[in-house]
Amino acid sequence: MKTTRAYTMGARAEAMAETRRRIIEALFDLGRERMFPDISLDDVAAAADVSVQTILRHFTSRAGLIEATMDHAIATVIEERHAPVGDVDAAMTVIVRHYEDRGPTALLMLAQEASDPQVAALTRRGRDLHRTWVEDVFAPSVGPCDPLVDLLVVATDVYTWKLLRIDRRYSRARTQQLMHRMVTSLLESARHEGEST
């Protein structure tokens, strides 16, 4: 009897976790193409195939759902941007691939940050995440206040990708090549400066 009850409770917990995941993924996907103020709980409910009441039962409020979705977004970005330390070729492949998929969404989030405090909190976290990624992958031997880190952040930023890929209409390969050139030039220049001191 206890085994059956434990199994039933375990299955119920799994079902609840799956529903929660589906709701978060629904908002995450809707947020790739639409501004957050334009996404209603009804939209999320329809996309997740649940009721609005189910969303509120899991997240209490729209703000709670957005917070959970942003945590999910950050975790997803960390996973997608994993790159080996010191391997510029691999790192640039990873970052450009990431921007090809997530760049338009990042730009949409940045367009909302001045008018939405929750989105502003997400973009702040995103900037911190990007800086940490640069420090870990390209410049583990320099301090976080070193100007080299700032320059590498700019060379690999989503706006740099946008200027080359969208504004200048370079191909993905050419965009990656140009960003790669900036990063290697910065790293070589820093190395030469270090050798001359």
N, C-alpha and C. Protein backbone atom coordinates (compact mmCIF):
# COMPACT_ATOMS: atom_id res chain seq x y z
N MET A 1 0.82 -1.20 0.00
CA MET A 1 0.00 0.00 0.00
C MET A 1 0.87 1.26 0.00
N LYS A 2 1.90 1.28 0.89
CA LYS A 2 2.77 2.43 0.96
C LYS A 2 3.53 2.62 -0.35
N THR A 3 3.95 1.50 -0.97
CA THR A 3 4.69 1.57 -2.23
C THR A 3 3.82 2.19 -3.31
N THR A 4 2.57 1.76 -3.37
CA THR A 4 1.64 2.30 -4.37
C THR A 4 1.43 3.79 -4.16
N ARG A 5 1.26 4.18 -2.89
CA ARG A 5 1.05 5.59 -2.58
C ARG A 5 2.28 6.43 -2.92
N ALA A 6 3.46 5.91 -2.62
CA ALA A 6 4.70 6.62 -2.93
C ALA A 6 4.86 6.77 -4.44
N TYR A 7 4.51 5.71 -5.18
CA TYR A 7 4.60 5.76 -6.63
C TYR A 7 3.65 6.82 -7.19
N THR A 8 2.42 6.83 -6.65
CA THR A 8 1.41 7.79 -7.10
C THR A 8 1.85 9.22 -6.82
N MET A 9 2.41 9.44 -5.61
CA MET A 9 2.88 10.78 -5.26
C MET A 9 4.07 11.18 -6.13
N GLY A 10 4.94 10.21 -6.41
CA GLY A 10 6.09 10.49 -7.28
C GLY A 10 5.64 10.85 -8.69
N ALA A 11 4.66 10.11 -9.21
CA ALA A 11 4.14 10.39 -10.55
C ALA A 11 3.47 11.76 -10.58
N ARG A 12 2.78 12.11 -9.51
CA ARG A 12 2.11 13.41 -9.44
C ARG A 12 3.14 14.54 -9.41
N ALA A 13 4.21 14.34 -8.65
CA ALA A 13 5.26 15.35 -8.58
C ALA A 13 5.93 15.53 -9.94
N GLU A 14 6.16 14.41 -10.64
CA GLU A 14 6.75 14.48 -11.98
C GLU A 14 5.83 15.22 -12.94
N ALA A 15 4.53 14.94 -12.85
CA ALA A 15 3.56 15.61 -13.72
C ALA A 15 3.53 17.11 -13.44
N MET A 16 3.61 17.47 -12.17
CA MET A 16 3.61 18.89 -11.81
C MET A 16 4.88 19.58 -12.32
N ALA A 17 6.01 18.91 -12.19
CA ALA A 17 7.27 19.47 -12.68
C ALA A 17 7.24 19.64 -14.19
N GLU A 18 6.64 18.66 -14.87
CA GLU A 18 6.53 18.72 -16.33
C GLU A 18 5.62 19.88 -16.75
N THR A 19 4.52 20.07 -16.04
CA THR A 19 3.61 21.18 -16.34
C THR A 19 4.33 22.51 -16.12
N ARG A 20 5.05 22.62 -15.03
CA ARG A 20 5.81 23.84 -14.73
C ARG A 20 6.83 24.12 -15.84
N ARG A 21 7.55 23.08 -16.25
CA ARG A 21 8.53 23.24 -17.32
C ARG A 21 7.87 23.69 -18.62
N ARG A 22 6.72 23.11 -18.94
CA ARG A 22 6.00 23.45 -20.17
C ARG A 22 5.55 24.92 -20.16
N ILE A 23 5.11 25.40 -19.01
CA ILE A 23 4.66 26.79 -18.88
C ILE A 23 5.85 27.74 -19.07
N ILE A 24 6.96 27.43 -18.41
CA ILE A 24 8.16 28.26 -18.54
C ILE A 24 8.64 28.27 -19.98
N GLU A 25 8.69 27.12 -20.62
CA GLU A 25 9.13 27.04 -22.02
C GLU A 25 8.20 27.83 -22.92
N ALA A 26 6.90 27.82 -22.61
CA ALA A 26 5.93 28.57 -23.42
C ALA A 26 6.24 30.06 -23.39
N LEU A 27 6.45 30.62 -22.19
CA LEU A 27 6.78 32.05 -22.09
C LEU A 27 8.15 32.32 -22.71
N PHE A 28 9.09 31.43 -22.47
CA PHE A 28 10.43 31.57 -23.04
C PHE A 28 10.35 31.67 -24.57
N ASP A 29 9.57 30.80 -25.19
CA ASP A 29 9.43 30.80 -26.65
C ASP A 29 8.67 32.02 -27.14
N LEU A 30 7.59 32.41 -26.45
CA LEU A 30 6.84 33.61 -26.84
C LEU A 30 7.71 34.85 -26.74
N GLY A 31 8.59 34.89 -25.73
CA GLY A 31 9.46 36.03 -25.52
C GLY A 31 10.55 36.18 -26.57
N ARG A 32 10.72 35.17 -27.40
CA ARG A 32 11.71 35.26 -28.48
C ARG A 32 11.23 36.20 -29.60
N GLU A 33 9.91 36.40 -29.67
CA GLU A 33 9.37 37.17 -30.79
C GLU A 33 8.52 38.36 -30.38
N ARG A 34 8.12 38.43 -29.11
CA ARG A 34 7.22 39.49 -28.68
C ARG A 34 7.71 40.15 -27.41
N MET A 35 7.37 41.41 -27.24
CA MET A 35 7.69 42.15 -26.02
C MET A 35 6.91 41.53 -24.86
N PHE A 36 7.52 41.49 -23.69
CA PHE A 36 6.86 40.90 -22.53
C PHE A 36 5.51 41.55 -22.19
N PRO A 37 5.39 42.89 -22.28
CA PRO A 37 4.07 43.48 -21.98
C PRO A 37 2.97 43.03 -22.94
N ASP A 38 3.38 42.54 -24.12
CA ASP A 38 2.40 42.09 -25.12
C ASP A 38 2.01 40.62 -24.97
N ILE A 39 2.61 39.95 -23.97
CA ILE A 39 2.32 38.53 -23.76
C ILE A 39 1.44 38.39 -22.52
N SER A 40 0.23 37.94 -22.72
CA SER A 40 -0.70 37.79 -21.60
C SER A 40 -0.61 36.38 -21.02
N LEU A 41 -1.16 36.21 -19.84
CA LEU A 41 -1.23 34.86 -19.26
C LEU A 41 -2.09 33.95 -20.13
N ASP A 42 -3.10 34.51 -20.79
CA ASP A 42 -3.91 33.71 -21.72
C ASP A 42 -3.04 33.18 -22.86
N ASP A 43 -2.13 34.02 -23.36
CA ASP A 43 -1.22 33.58 -24.44
C ASP A 43 -0.34 32.42 -23.97
N VAL A 44 0.19 32.57 -22.76
CA VAL A 44 1.06 31.53 -22.21
C VAL A 44 0.26 30.24 -21.98
N ALA A 45 -0.92 30.39 -21.42
CA ALA A 45 -1.77 29.23 -21.16
C ALA A 45 -2.08 28.47 -22.45
N ALA A 46 -2.41 29.21 -23.50
CA ALA A 46 -2.72 28.56 -24.79
C ALA A 46 -1.49 27.84 -25.34
N ALA A 47 -0.32 28.48 -25.25
CA ALA A 47 0.91 27.88 -25.77
C ALA A 47 1.32 26.64 -24.98
N ALA A 48 1.04 26.65 -23.66
CA ALA A 48 1.43 25.52 -22.80
C ALA A 48 0.33 24.48 -22.68
N ASP A 49 -0.84 24.78 -23.25
CA ASP A 49 -2.01 23.89 -23.18
C ASP A 49 -2.44 23.64 -21.73
N VAL A 50 -2.52 24.74 -20.97
CA VAL A 50 -3.00 24.69 -19.59
C VAL A 50 -3.96 25.86 -19.37
N SER A 51 -4.54 25.93 -18.21
CA SER A 51 -5.40 27.07 -17.89
C SER A 51 -4.59 28.17 -17.20
N VAL A 52 -5.13 29.38 -17.21
CA VAL A 52 -4.49 30.48 -16.49
C VAL A 52 -4.41 30.14 -15.00
N GLN A 53 -5.45 29.49 -14.49
CA GLN A 53 -5.47 29.11 -13.08
C GLN A 53 -4.31 28.17 -12.74
N THR A 54 -3.99 27.27 -13.67
CA THR A 54 -2.85 26.37 -13.46
C THR A 54 -1.55 27.16 -13.38
N ILE A 55 -1.40 28.15 -14.24
CA ILE A 55 -0.20 29.00 -14.20
C ILE A 55 -0.09 29.69 -12.84
N LEU A 56 -1.20 30.25 -12.38
CA LEU A 56 -1.18 30.97 -11.10
C LEU A 56 -0.94 30.02 -9.93
N ARG A 57 -1.40 28.79 -10.05
CA ARG A 57 -1.16 27.81 -8.99
C ARG A 57 0.33 27.49 -8.88
N HIS A 58 1.00 27.48 -10.01
CA HIS A 58 2.44 27.16 -10.02
C HIS A 58 3.32 28.35 -9.68
N PHE A 59 2.91 29.56 -10.12
CA PHE A 59 3.81 30.72 -10.04
C PHE A 59 3.25 31.90 -9.25
N THR A 60 2.03 31.79 -8.76
CA THR A 60 1.36 32.81 -7.94
C THR A 60 0.92 34.04 -8.73
N SER A 61 1.80 34.53 -9.62
CA SER A 61 1.49 35.76 -10.36
C SER A 61 2.24 35.75 -11.69
N ARG A 62 1.90 36.71 -12.55
CA ARG A 62 2.61 36.88 -13.81
C ARG A 62 4.08 37.20 -13.54
N ALA A 63 4.32 38.06 -12.55
CA ALA A 63 5.69 38.42 -12.18
C ALA A 63 6.48 37.19 -11.74
N GLY A 64 5.84 36.30 -10.99
CA GLY A 64 6.50 35.07 -10.56
C GLY A 64 6.87 34.18 -11.73
N LEU A 65 5.97 34.11 -12.72
CA LEU A 65 6.26 33.33 -13.92
C LEU A 65 7.43 33.93 -14.69
N ILE A 66 7.42 35.25 -14.83
CA ILE A 66 8.51 35.91 -15.56
C ILE A 66 9.85 35.68 -14.86
N GLU A 67 9.86 35.77 -13.53
CA GLU A 67 11.09 35.54 -12.77
C GLU A 67 11.62 34.13 -12.99
N ALA A 68 10.74 33.14 -12.93
CA ALA A 68 11.14 31.75 -13.14
C ALA A 68 11.65 31.54 -14.57
N THR A 69 11.02 32.19 -15.52
CA THR A 69 11.43 32.06 -16.92
C THR A 69 12.79 32.71 -17.14
N MET A 70 13.04 33.81 -16.47
CA MET A 70 14.35 34.46 -16.61
C MET A 70 15.46 33.61 -15.99
N ASP A 71 15.18 32.96 -14.88
CA ASP A 71 16.15 32.03 -14.30
C ASP A 71 16.45 30.90 -15.28
N HIS A 72 15.40 30.41 -15.93
CA HIS A 72 15.55 29.36 -16.94
C HIS A 72 16.39 29.87 -18.12
N ALA A 73 16.13 31.12 -18.54
CA ALA A 73 16.87 31.69 -19.67
C ALA A 73 18.36 31.80 -19.36
N ILE A 74 18.69 32.26 -18.17
CA ILE A 74 20.10 32.38 -17.78
C ILE A 74 20.78 31.02 -17.75
N ALA A 75 20.10 30.02 -17.17
CA ALA A 75 20.67 28.67 -17.12
C ALA A 75 20.89 28.11 -18.53
N THR A 76 19.95 28.39 -19.43
CA THR A 76 20.06 27.93 -20.82
C THR A 76 21.25 28.58 -21.51
N VAL A 77 21.41 29.88 -21.30
CA VAL A 77 22.52 30.61 -21.92
C VAL A 77 23.86 30.09 -21.42
N ILE A 78 23.97 29.86 -20.11
CA ILE A 78 25.22 29.33 -19.55
C ILE A 78 25.59 28.01 -20.21
N GLU A 79 24.59 27.15 -20.36
CA GLU A 79 24.84 25.84 -20.97
C GLU A 79 25.24 25.97 -22.44
N GLU A 80 24.54 26.84 -23.17
CA GLU A 80 24.81 26.98 -24.61
C GLU A 80 26.16 27.63 -24.90
N ARG A 81 26.65 28.46 -23.97
CA ARG A 81 27.87 29.20 -24.24
C ARG A 81 29.12 28.54 -23.64
N HIS A 82 29.01 27.32 -23.19
CA HIS A 82 30.17 26.64 -22.63
C HIS A 82 31.26 26.52 -23.71
N ALA A 83 32.47 26.96 -23.35
CA ALA A 83 33.59 26.91 -24.30
C ALA A 83 34.87 26.60 -23.53
N PRO A 84 35.81 25.89 -24.18
CA PRO A 84 37.08 25.58 -23.51
C PRO A 84 37.92 26.82 -23.29
N VAL A 85 38.59 26.88 -22.16
CA VAL A 85 39.43 28.02 -21.81
C VAL A 85 40.62 28.12 -22.76
N GLY A 86 40.85 29.34 -23.27
CA GLY A 86 42.02 29.58 -24.09
C GLY A 86 41.92 29.17 -25.54
N ASP A 87 40.81 28.58 -25.97
CA ASP A 87 40.64 28.13 -27.35
C ASP A 87 39.79 29.17 -28.08
N VAL A 88 40.45 30.14 -28.72
CA VAL A 88 39.74 31.24 -29.36
C VAL A 88 38.84 30.74 -30.49
N ASP A 89 39.34 29.80 -31.29
CA ASP A 89 38.53 29.27 -32.39
C ASP A 89 37.22 28.69 -31.88
N ALA A 90 37.33 27.83 -30.88
CA ALA A 90 36.13 27.19 -30.33
C ALA A 90 35.20 28.22 -29.69
N ALA A 91 35.78 29.17 -28.96
CA ALA A 91 34.97 30.18 -28.29
C ALA A 91 34.20 31.03 -29.28
N MET A 92 34.84 31.41 -30.37
CA MET A 92 34.15 32.24 -31.36
C MET A 92 33.08 31.45 -32.10
N THR A 93 33.31 30.18 -32.32
CA THR A 93 32.27 29.33 -32.91
C THR A 93 31.06 29.27 -31.98
N VAL A 94 31.33 29.09 -30.69
CA VAL A 94 30.26 29.00 -29.69
C VAL A 94 29.47 30.30 -29.61
N ILE A 95 30.16 31.43 -29.53
CA ILE A 95 29.46 32.69 -29.31
C ILE A 95 28.66 33.12 -30.54
N VAL A 96 29.20 32.91 -31.73
CA VAL A 96 28.47 33.28 -32.93
C VAL A 96 27.28 32.34 -33.13
N ARG A 97 27.47 31.06 -32.87
CA ARG A 97 26.34 30.12 -32.95
C ARG A 97 25.24 30.54 -31.97
N HIS A 98 25.65 30.94 -30.78
CA HIS A 98 24.69 31.40 -29.77
C HIS A 98 23.94 32.63 -30.26
N TYR A 99 24.65 33.59 -30.83
CA TYR A 99 23.99 34.81 -31.31
C TYR A 99 23.09 34.54 -32.51
N GLU A 100 23.48 33.60 -33.35
CA GLU A 100 22.62 33.26 -34.48
C GLU A 100 21.26 32.77 -33.99
N ASP A 101 21.27 32.04 -32.88
CA ASP A 101 20.02 31.51 -32.34
C ASP A 101 19.35 32.50 -31.38
N ARG A 102 20.12 33.08 -30.47
CA ARG A 102 19.55 33.90 -29.39
C ARG A 102 19.75 35.41 -29.57
N GLY A 103 20.55 35.82 -30.54
CA GLY A 103 20.84 37.23 -30.72
C GLY A 103 19.59 38.10 -30.88
N PRO A 104 18.67 37.75 -31.79
CA PRO A 104 17.46 38.57 -31.93
C PRO A 104 16.66 38.69 -30.64
N THR A 105 16.62 37.61 -29.86
CA THR A 105 15.91 37.66 -28.58
C THR A 105 16.63 38.59 -27.61
N ALA A 106 17.95 38.51 -27.56
CA ALA A 106 18.72 39.39 -26.68
C ALA A 106 18.48 40.85 -27.05
N LEU A 107 18.46 41.15 -28.34
CA LEU A 107 18.21 42.52 -28.79
C LEU A 107 16.81 42.97 -28.42
N LEU A 108 15.84 42.06 -28.51
CA LEU A 108 14.47 42.38 -28.11
C LEU A 108 14.39 42.68 -26.62
N MET A 109 15.12 41.90 -25.82
CA MET A 109 15.16 42.15 -24.37
C MET A 109 15.81 43.51 -24.08
N LEU A 110 16.89 43.81 -24.77
CA LEU A 110 17.59 45.08 -24.55
C LEU A 110 16.70 46.27 -24.92
N ALA A 111 15.83 46.08 -25.91
CA ALA A 111 14.92 47.15 -26.31
C ALA A 111 13.85 47.42 -25.25
N GLN A 112 13.65 46.46 -24.35
CA GLN A 112 12.61 46.59 -23.33
C GLN A 112 13.15 47.03 -21.97
N GLU A 113 14.46 47.01 -21.79
CA GLU A 113 15.01 47.18 -20.45
C GLU A 113 14.70 48.53 -19.81
N ALA A 114 14.54 49.57 -20.63
CA ALA A 114 14.27 50.90 -20.06
C ALA A 114 12.84 51.02 -19.53
N SER A 115 11.95 50.18 -20.01
CA SER A 115 10.54 50.31 -19.63
C SER A 115 10.03 49.17 -18.74
N ASP A 116 10.85 48.15 -18.52
CA ASP A 116 10.39 46.99 -17.74
C ASP A 116 11.47 46.60 -16.73
N PRO A 117 11.23 46.83 -15.44
CA PRO A 117 12.25 46.52 -14.42
C PRO A 117 12.68 45.05 -14.40
N GLN A 118 11.74 44.13 -14.64
CA GLN A 118 12.13 42.71 -14.64
C GLN A 118 13.05 42.39 -15.81
N VAL A 119 12.76 42.95 -16.97
CA VAL A 119 13.63 42.75 -18.12
C VAL A 119 14.99 43.41 -17.88
N ALA A 120 14.97 44.59 -17.26
CA ALA A 120 16.23 45.28 -16.93
C ALA A 120 17.09 44.41 -16.01
N ALA A 121 16.46 43.73 -15.07
CA ALA A 121 17.20 42.83 -14.18
C ALA A 121 17.81 41.68 -14.97
N LEU A 122 17.07 41.16 -15.95
CA LEU A 122 17.59 40.08 -16.79
C LEU A 122 18.76 40.54 -17.64
N THR A 123 18.64 41.71 -18.26
CA THR A 123 19.73 42.18 -19.11
C THR A 123 20.98 42.50 -18.29
N ARG A 124 20.78 42.96 -17.04
CA ARG A 124 21.94 43.17 -16.15
C ARG A 124 22.63 41.83 -15.88
N ARG A 125 21.82 40.82 -15.59
CA ARG A 125 22.39 39.49 -15.36
C ARG A 125 23.10 38.99 -16.61
N GLY A 126 22.51 39.28 -17.77
CA GLY A 126 23.12 38.86 -19.03
C GLY A 126 24.47 39.52 -19.27
N ARG A 127 24.56 40.80 -18.94
CA ARG A 127 25.85 41.51 -19.10
C ARG A 127 26.90 40.92 -18.16
N ASP A 128 26.49 40.68 -16.92
CA ASP A 128 27.42 40.08 -15.96
C ASP A 128 27.88 38.70 -16.43
N LEU A 129 26.93 37.93 -16.95
CA LEU A 129 27.23 36.59 -17.45
C LEU A 129 28.22 36.66 -18.61
N HIS A 130 28.02 37.61 -19.51
CA HIS A 130 28.92 37.73 -20.67
C HIS A 130 30.32 38.13 -20.22
N ARG A 131 30.41 39.06 -19.29
CA ARG A 131 31.72 39.48 -18.79
C ARG A 131 32.45 38.31 -18.12
N THR A 132 31.73 37.56 -17.31
CA THR A 132 32.34 36.39 -16.66
C THR A 132 32.81 35.38 -17.69
N TRP A 133 32.01 35.18 -18.74
CA TRP A 133 32.38 34.25 -19.82
C TRP A 133 33.69 34.71 -20.46
N VAL A 134 33.79 36.00 -20.77
CA VAL A 134 35.02 36.54 -21.37
C VAL A 134 36.21 36.33 -20.45
N GLU A 135 36.04 36.65 -19.17
CA GLU A 135 37.14 36.49 -18.21
C GLU A 135 37.58 35.03 -18.12
N ASP A 136 36.61 34.12 -18.11
CA ASP A 136 36.92 32.69 -17.97
C ASP A 136 37.57 32.11 -19.23
N VAL A 137 37.06 32.50 -20.39
CA VAL A 137 37.50 31.86 -21.63
C VAL A 137 38.75 32.50 -22.23
N PHE A 138 38.82 33.83 -22.23
CA PHE A 138 39.90 34.52 -22.93
C PHE A 138 41.00 35.06 -22.03
N ALA A 139 40.64 35.48 -20.84
CA ALA A 139 41.62 36.21 -20.03
C ALA A 139 41.68 35.74 -18.59
N PRO A 140 41.86 34.43 -18.37
CA PRO A 140 41.86 33.95 -16.98
C PRO A 140 43.03 34.46 -16.16
N SER A 141 44.07 34.95 -16.82
CA SER A 141 45.26 35.38 -16.07
C SER A 141 45.27 36.87 -15.76
N VAL A 142 44.25 37.61 -16.21
CA VAL A 142 44.21 39.05 -15.93
C VAL A 142 43.11 39.34 -14.91
N GLY A 143 43.21 40.46 -14.26
CA GLY A 143 42.20 40.84 -13.27
C GLY A 143 40.92 41.34 -13.94
N PRO A 144 39.81 41.30 -13.21
CA PRO A 144 38.52 41.71 -13.78
C PRO A 144 38.46 43.19 -14.15
N CYS A 145 39.37 44.01 -13.60
CA CYS A 145 39.39 45.44 -13.91
C CYS A 145 40.35 45.77 -15.04
N ASP A 146 41.04 44.79 -15.58
CA ASP A 146 41.98 45.02 -16.67
C ASP A 146 41.21 45.52 -17.90
N PRO A 147 41.69 46.59 -18.55
CA PRO A 147 41.01 47.11 -19.75
C PRO A 147 40.89 46.07 -20.86
N LEU A 148 41.79 45.08 -20.88
CA LEU A 148 41.69 44.02 -21.88
C LEU A 148 40.36 43.31 -21.79
N VAL A 149 39.87 43.07 -20.59
CA VAL A 149 38.57 42.42 -20.43
C VAL A 149 37.47 43.26 -21.05
N ASP A 150 37.51 44.58 -20.80
CA ASP A 150 36.51 45.47 -21.38
C ASP A 150 36.52 45.39 -22.90
N LEU A 151 37.71 45.40 -23.48
CA LEU A 151 37.82 45.35 -24.94
C LEU A 151 37.33 44.02 -25.50
N LEU A 152 37.63 42.93 -24.81
CA LEU A 152 37.16 41.61 -25.25
C LEU A 152 35.64 41.48 -25.11
N VAL A 153 35.09 42.11 -24.07
CA VAL A 153 33.63 42.13 -23.91
C VAL A 153 32.99 42.81 -25.11
N VAL A 154 33.55 43.94 -25.52
CA VAL A 154 33.01 44.68 -26.67
C VAL A 154 33.16 43.85 -27.95
N ALA A 155 34.32 43.24 -28.14
CA ALA A 155 34.59 42.48 -29.37
C ALA A 155 33.66 41.29 -29.53
N THR A 156 33.13 40.77 -28.43
CA THR A 156 32.28 39.58 -28.47
C THR A 156 30.84 39.86 -28.08
N ASP A 157 30.47 41.13 -27.99
CA ASP A 157 29.13 41.51 -27.54
C ASP A 157 28.08 41.26 -28.61
N VAL A 158 26.83 41.11 -28.18
CA VAL A 158 25.73 40.89 -29.13
C VAL A 158 25.56 42.09 -30.05
N TYR A 159 25.86 43.31 -29.58
CA TYR A 159 25.77 44.48 -30.45
C TYR A 159 26.84 44.44 -31.55
N THR A 160 28.02 43.90 -31.24
CA THR A 160 29.05 43.75 -32.26
C THR A 160 28.59 42.76 -33.31
N TRP A 161 28.01 41.65 -32.86
CA TRP A 161 27.42 40.68 -33.80
C TRP A 161 26.35 41.35 -34.65
N LYS A 162 25.48 42.14 -34.04
CA LYS A 162 24.40 42.83 -34.77
C LYS A 162 24.96 43.78 -35.83
N LEU A 163 25.96 44.58 -35.45
CA LEU A 163 26.54 45.54 -36.40
C LEU A 163 27.09 44.83 -37.64
N LEU A 164 27.74 43.69 -37.43
CA LEU A 164 28.34 42.97 -38.55
C LEU A 164 27.31 42.12 -39.30
N ARG A 165 26.54 41.36 -38.56
CA ARG A 165 25.64 40.36 -39.17
C ARG A 165 24.36 40.97 -39.72
N ILE A 166 23.76 41.88 -38.97
CA ILE A 166 22.46 42.43 -39.37
C ILE A 166 22.63 43.76 -40.11
N ASP A 167 23.37 44.68 -39.49
CA ASP A 167 23.51 46.01 -40.11
C ASP A 167 24.37 45.97 -41.38
N ARG A 168 25.52 45.31 -41.29
CA ARG A 168 26.43 45.23 -42.45
C ARG A 168 26.10 44.05 -43.37
N ARG A 169 25.27 43.15 -42.90
CA ARG A 169 24.79 42.00 -43.70
C ARG A 169 25.90 41.05 -44.14
N TYR A 170 26.89 40.89 -43.27
CA TYR A 170 27.90 39.89 -43.54
C TYR A 170 27.31 38.50 -43.31
N SER A 171 27.90 37.51 -43.94
CA SER A 171 27.49 36.13 -43.70
C SER A 171 27.87 35.74 -42.27
N ARG A 172 27.30 34.64 -41.82
CA ARG A 172 27.66 34.13 -40.49
C ARG A 172 29.16 33.85 -40.42
N ALA A 173 29.70 33.21 -41.46
CA ALA A 173 31.13 32.86 -41.45
C ALA A 173 32.00 34.11 -41.42
N ARG A 174 31.63 35.12 -42.22
CA ARG A 174 32.42 36.35 -42.26
C ARG A 174 32.32 37.11 -40.93
N THR A 175 31.13 37.13 -40.35
CA THR A 175 30.94 37.76 -39.05
C THR A 175 31.84 37.11 -38.01
N GLN A 176 31.85 35.79 -38.00
CA GLN A 176 32.69 35.06 -37.04
C GLN A 176 34.17 35.36 -37.30
N GLN A 177 34.55 35.42 -38.56
CA GLN A 177 35.95 35.70 -38.91
C GLN A 177 36.37 37.08 -38.40
N LEU A 178 35.51 38.08 -38.58
CA LEU A 178 35.84 39.44 -38.16
C LEU A 178 35.89 39.58 -36.64
N MET A 179 34.95 38.94 -35.96
CA MET A 179 34.97 38.97 -34.50
C MET A 179 36.21 38.22 -33.98
N HIS A 180 36.54 37.13 -34.62
CA HIS A 180 37.73 36.36 -34.27
C HIS A 180 38.98 37.22 -34.42
N ARG A 181 39.05 37.99 -35.51
CA ARG A 181 40.20 38.85 -35.75
C ARG A 181 40.35 39.89 -34.64
N MET A 182 39.24 40.47 -34.21
CA MET A 182 39.30 41.45 -33.13
C MET A 182 39.84 40.83 -31.85
N VAL A 183 39.32 39.65 -31.50
CA VAL A 183 39.74 38.98 -30.27
C VAL A 183 41.22 38.61 -30.32
N THR A 184 41.64 38.00 -31.42
CA THR A 184 43.06 37.59 -31.51
C THR A 184 43.98 38.81 -31.52
N SER A 185 43.57 39.90 -32.16
CA SER A 185 44.39 41.11 -32.17
C SER A 185 44.56 41.66 -30.76
N LEU A 186 43.47 41.67 -30.01
CA LEU A 186 43.53 42.16 -28.63
C LEU A 186 44.43 41.28 -27.77
N LEU A 187 44.28 39.98 -27.90
CA LEU A 187 45.08 39.05 -27.09
C LEU A 187 46.56 39.14 -27.46
N GLU A 188 46.86 39.25 -28.76
CA GLU A 188 48.26 39.36 -29.20
C GLU A 188 48.88 40.67 -28.73
N SER A 189 48.11 41.75 -28.83
CA SER A 189 48.61 43.04 -28.38
C SER A 189 48.92 43.03 -26.88
N ALA A 190 48.02 42.40 -26.11
CA ALA A 190 48.23 42.31 -24.66
C ALA A 190 49.47 41.45 -24.35
N ARG A 191 49.66 40.39 -25.14
CA ARG A 191 50.82 39.53 -24.91
C ARG A 191 52.12 40.28 -25.21
N HIS A 192 52.13 41.05 -26.31
CA HIS A 192 53.32 41.82 -26.66
C HIS A 192 53.63 42.88 -25.61
N GLU A 193 52.58 43.52 -25.09
CA GLU A 193 52.77 44.51 -24.03
C GLU A 193 53.37 43.86 -22.79
N GLY A 194 52.87 42.66 -22.47
CA GLY A 194 53.39 41.93 -21.31
C GLY A 194 54.84 41.54 -21.47
N GLU A 195 55.23 41.19 -22.70
CA GLU A 195 56.61 40.76 -22.96
C GLU A 195 57.57 41.94 -22.92
N SER A 196 57.07 43.14 -23.25
CA SER A 196 57.95 44.32 -23.29
C SER A 196 58.10 45.00 -21.95
N THR A 197 57.34 44.55 -20.95
CA THR A 197 57.46 45.20 -19.62
C THR A 197 58.31 44.35 -18.69
